[in-house]
């Protein structure tokens, strides 16, 4: 989880498609286990970076789960609160 966040937050690495893909794989298991921060980050990643509707739908579901748990990033991404 920490490695994935570091990769995504890194100014240079975070823009690389293969790095995003790797970070997404690192976030997948914690998100499945209910880790709210992982659900939020993976949901954002899937909604912003995935080209197909199925992945975007999964990303939105992850964001909704994180938002229900009170994650501010997820709430912002879903447009439920203003920054």
C-alpha atoms as a PDB file:
ATOM      1  CA  UNK A   1       0.000   0.000   0.000  1.00  0.00           C
ATOM      2  CA  UNK A   2       2.718   2.494   0.956  1.00  0.00           C
ATOM      3  CA  UNK A   3       4.787   1.632  -2.094  1.00  0.00           C
ATOM      4  CA  UNK A   4       1.787   2.132  -4.378  1.00  0.00           C
ATOM      5  CA  UNK A   5       1.007   5.518  -2.834  1.00  0.00           C
ATOM      6  CA  UNK A   6       4.648   6.565  -3.096  1.00  0.00           C
ATOM      7  CA  UNK A   7       4.741   5.578  -6.765  1.00  0.00           C
ATOM      8  CA  UNK A   8       1.518   7.409  -7.583  1.00  0.00           C
ATOM      9  CA  UNK A   9       2.522  10.527  -5.626  1.00  0.00           C
ATOM     10  CA  UNK A  10       6.003  10.691  -7.137  1.00  0.00           C
ATOM     11  CA  UNK A  11       6.061  13.596  -9.632  1.00  0.00           C
ATOM     12  CA  UNK A  12       8.139  11.767 -12.233  1.00  0.00           C
ATOM     13  CA  UNK A  13       7.105   8.155 -11.703  1.00  0.00           C
ATOM     14  CA  UNK A  14       3.407   8.849 -11.141  1.00  0.00           C
ATOM     15  CA  UNK A  15       2.905   9.856 -14.772  1.00  0.00           C
ATOM     16  CA  UNK A  16       4.285   6.621 -16.220  1.00  0.00           C
ATOM     17  CA  UNK A  17       1.560   4.239 -17.460  1.00  0.00           C
ATOM     18  CA  UNK A  18       3.399   1.089 -16.448  1.00  0.00           C
ATOM     19  CA  UNK A  19       4.039   2.504 -12.959  1.00  0.00           C
ATOM     20  CA  UNK A  20       0.327   3.277 -12.601  1.00  0.00           C
ATOM     21  CA  UNK A  21      -0.511  -0.254 -13.687  1.00  0.00           C
ATOM     22  CA  UNK A  22       1.936  -1.713 -11.148  1.00  0.00           C
ATOM     23  CA  UNK A  23       0.601   0.543  -8.372  1.00  0.00           C
ATOM     24  CA  UNK A  24      -2.928  -0.569  -9.244  1.00  0.00           C
ATOM     25  CA  UNK A  25      -1.923  -4.207  -8.836  1.00  0.00           C
ATOM     26  CA  UNK A  26      -0.404  -3.384  -5.442  1.00  0.00           C
ATOM     27  CA  UNK A  27      -3.632  -1.686  -4.341  1.00  0.00           C
ATOM     28  CA  UNK A  28      -5.964  -4.428  -5.547  1.00  0.00           C
ATOM     29  CA  UNK A  29      -5.677  -6.838  -2.612  1.00  0.00           C
ATOM     30  CA  UNK A  30      -5.912  -4.237   0.167  1.00  0.00           C
ATOM     31  CA  UNK A  31      -8.935  -2.730  -1.608  1.00  0.00           C
ATOM     32  CA  UNK A  32     -10.608  -6.149  -1.712  1.00  0.00           C
ATOM     33  CA  UNK A  33      -9.881  -6.547   2.001  1.00  0.00           C
ATOM     34  CA  UNK A  34     -11.718  -3.295   2.743  1.00  0.00           C
ATOM     35  CA  UNK A  35      -8.810  -0.912   3.285  1.00  0.00           C
ATOM     36  CA  UNK A  36     -10.524   2.408   2.641  1.00  0.00           C
ATOM     37  CA  UNK A  37      -7.419   4.284   1.452  1.00  0.00           C
ATOM     38  CA  UNK A  38      -6.686   1.524  -1.078  1.00  0.00           C
ATOM     39  CA  UNK A  39     -10.278   1.560  -2.313  1.00  0.00           C
ATOM     40  CA  UNK A  40     -10.101   5.307  -2.768  1.00  0.00           C
ATOM     41  CA  UNK A  41      -6.753   5.376  -4.598  1.00  0.00           C
ATOM     42  CA  UNK A  42      -7.548   2.379  -6.802  1.00  0.00           C
ATOM     43  CA  UNK A  43     -10.979   3.786  -7.591  1.00  0.00           C
ATOM     44  CA  UNK A  44      -9.465   7.108  -8.620  1.00  0.00           C
ATOM     45  CA  UNK A  45      -6.848   5.370 -10.710  1.00  0.00           C
ATOM     46  CA  UNK A  46      -9.404   3.194 -12.480  1.00  0.00           C
ATOM     47  CA  UNK A  47     -11.800   6.062 -13.159  1.00  0.00           C
ATOM     48  CA  UNK A  48      -9.087   8.337 -14.538  1.00  0.00           C
ATOM     49  CA  UNK A  49      -6.790   5.930 -16.349  1.00  0.00           C
ATOM     50  CA  UNK A  50      -8.843   3.005 -17.635  1.00  0.00           C
ATOM     51  CA  UNK A  51     -10.188   3.157 -21.139  1.00  0.00           C
ATOM     52  CA  UNK A  52     -13.059   0.716 -20.837  1.00  0.00           C
ATOM     53  CA  UNK A  53     -16.452   1.129 -19.215  1.00  0.00           C
ATOM     54  CA  UNK A  54     -16.162  -2.011 -17.068  1.00  0.00           C
ATOM     55  CA  UNK A  55     -13.028  -0.797 -15.290  1.00  0.00           C
ATOM     56  CA  UNK A  56     -14.478   2.696 -14.809  1.00  0.00           C
ATOM     57  CA  UNK A  57     -17.619   1.130 -13.303  1.00  0.00           C
ATOM     58  CA  UNK A  58     -15.479  -0.921 -10.892  1.00  0.00           C
ATOM     59  CA  UNK A  59     -13.543   2.242 -10.027  1.00  0.00           C
ATOM     60  CA  UNK A  60     -16.768   4.084  -9.240  1.00  0.00           C
ATOM     61  CA  UNK A  61     -17.913   1.204  -7.036  1.00  0.00           C
ATOM     62  CA  UNK A  62     -14.629   1.358  -5.131  1.00  0.00           C
ATOM     63  CA  UNK A  63     -15.003   5.116  -4.721  1.00  0.00           C
ATOM     64  CA  UNK A  64     -18.551   4.685  -3.409  1.00  0.00           C
ATOM     65  CA  UNK A  65     -17.349   2.143  -0.840  1.00  0.00           C
ATOM     66  CA  UNK A  66     -14.592   4.492   0.304  1.00  0.00           C
ATOM     67  CA  UNK A  67     -16.996   7.445   0.378  1.00  0.00           C
ATOM     68  CA  UNK A  68     -19.420   5.494   2.573  1.00  0.00           C
ATOM     69  CA  UNK A  69     -16.518   4.999   4.977  1.00  0.00           C
ATOM     70  CA  UNK A  70     -15.935   8.770   5.014  1.00  0.00           C
ATOM     71  CA  UNK A  71     -12.902   9.088   2.710  1.00  0.00           C
ATOM     72  CA  UNK A  72     -12.670  12.739   1.609  1.00  0.00           C
ATOM     73  CA  UNK A  73     -10.760  12.008  -1.607  1.00  0.00           C
ATOM     74  CA  UNK A  74     -13.451   9.567  -2.704  1.00  0.00           C
ATOM     75  CA  UNK A  75     -16.201  12.036  -1.825  1.00  0.00           C
ATOM     76  CA  UNK A  76     -14.452  14.726  -3.861  1.00  0.00           C
ATOM     77  CA  UNK A  77     -13.863  12.406  -6.806  1.00  0.00           C
ATOM     78  CA  UNK A  78     -17.556  11.471  -6.844  1.00  0.00           C
ATOM     79  CA  UNK A  79     -18.482  15.155  -6.676  1.00  0.00           C
ATOM     80  CA  UNK A  80     -20.305  14.786  -3.371  1.00  0.00           C
ATOM     81  CA  UNK A  81     -18.329  17.551  -1.655  1.00  0.00           C
ATOM     82  CA  UNK A  82     -16.452  20.611  -2.827  1.00  0.00           C
ATOM     83  CA  UNK A  83     -12.787  21.085  -2.014  1.00  0.00           C
END
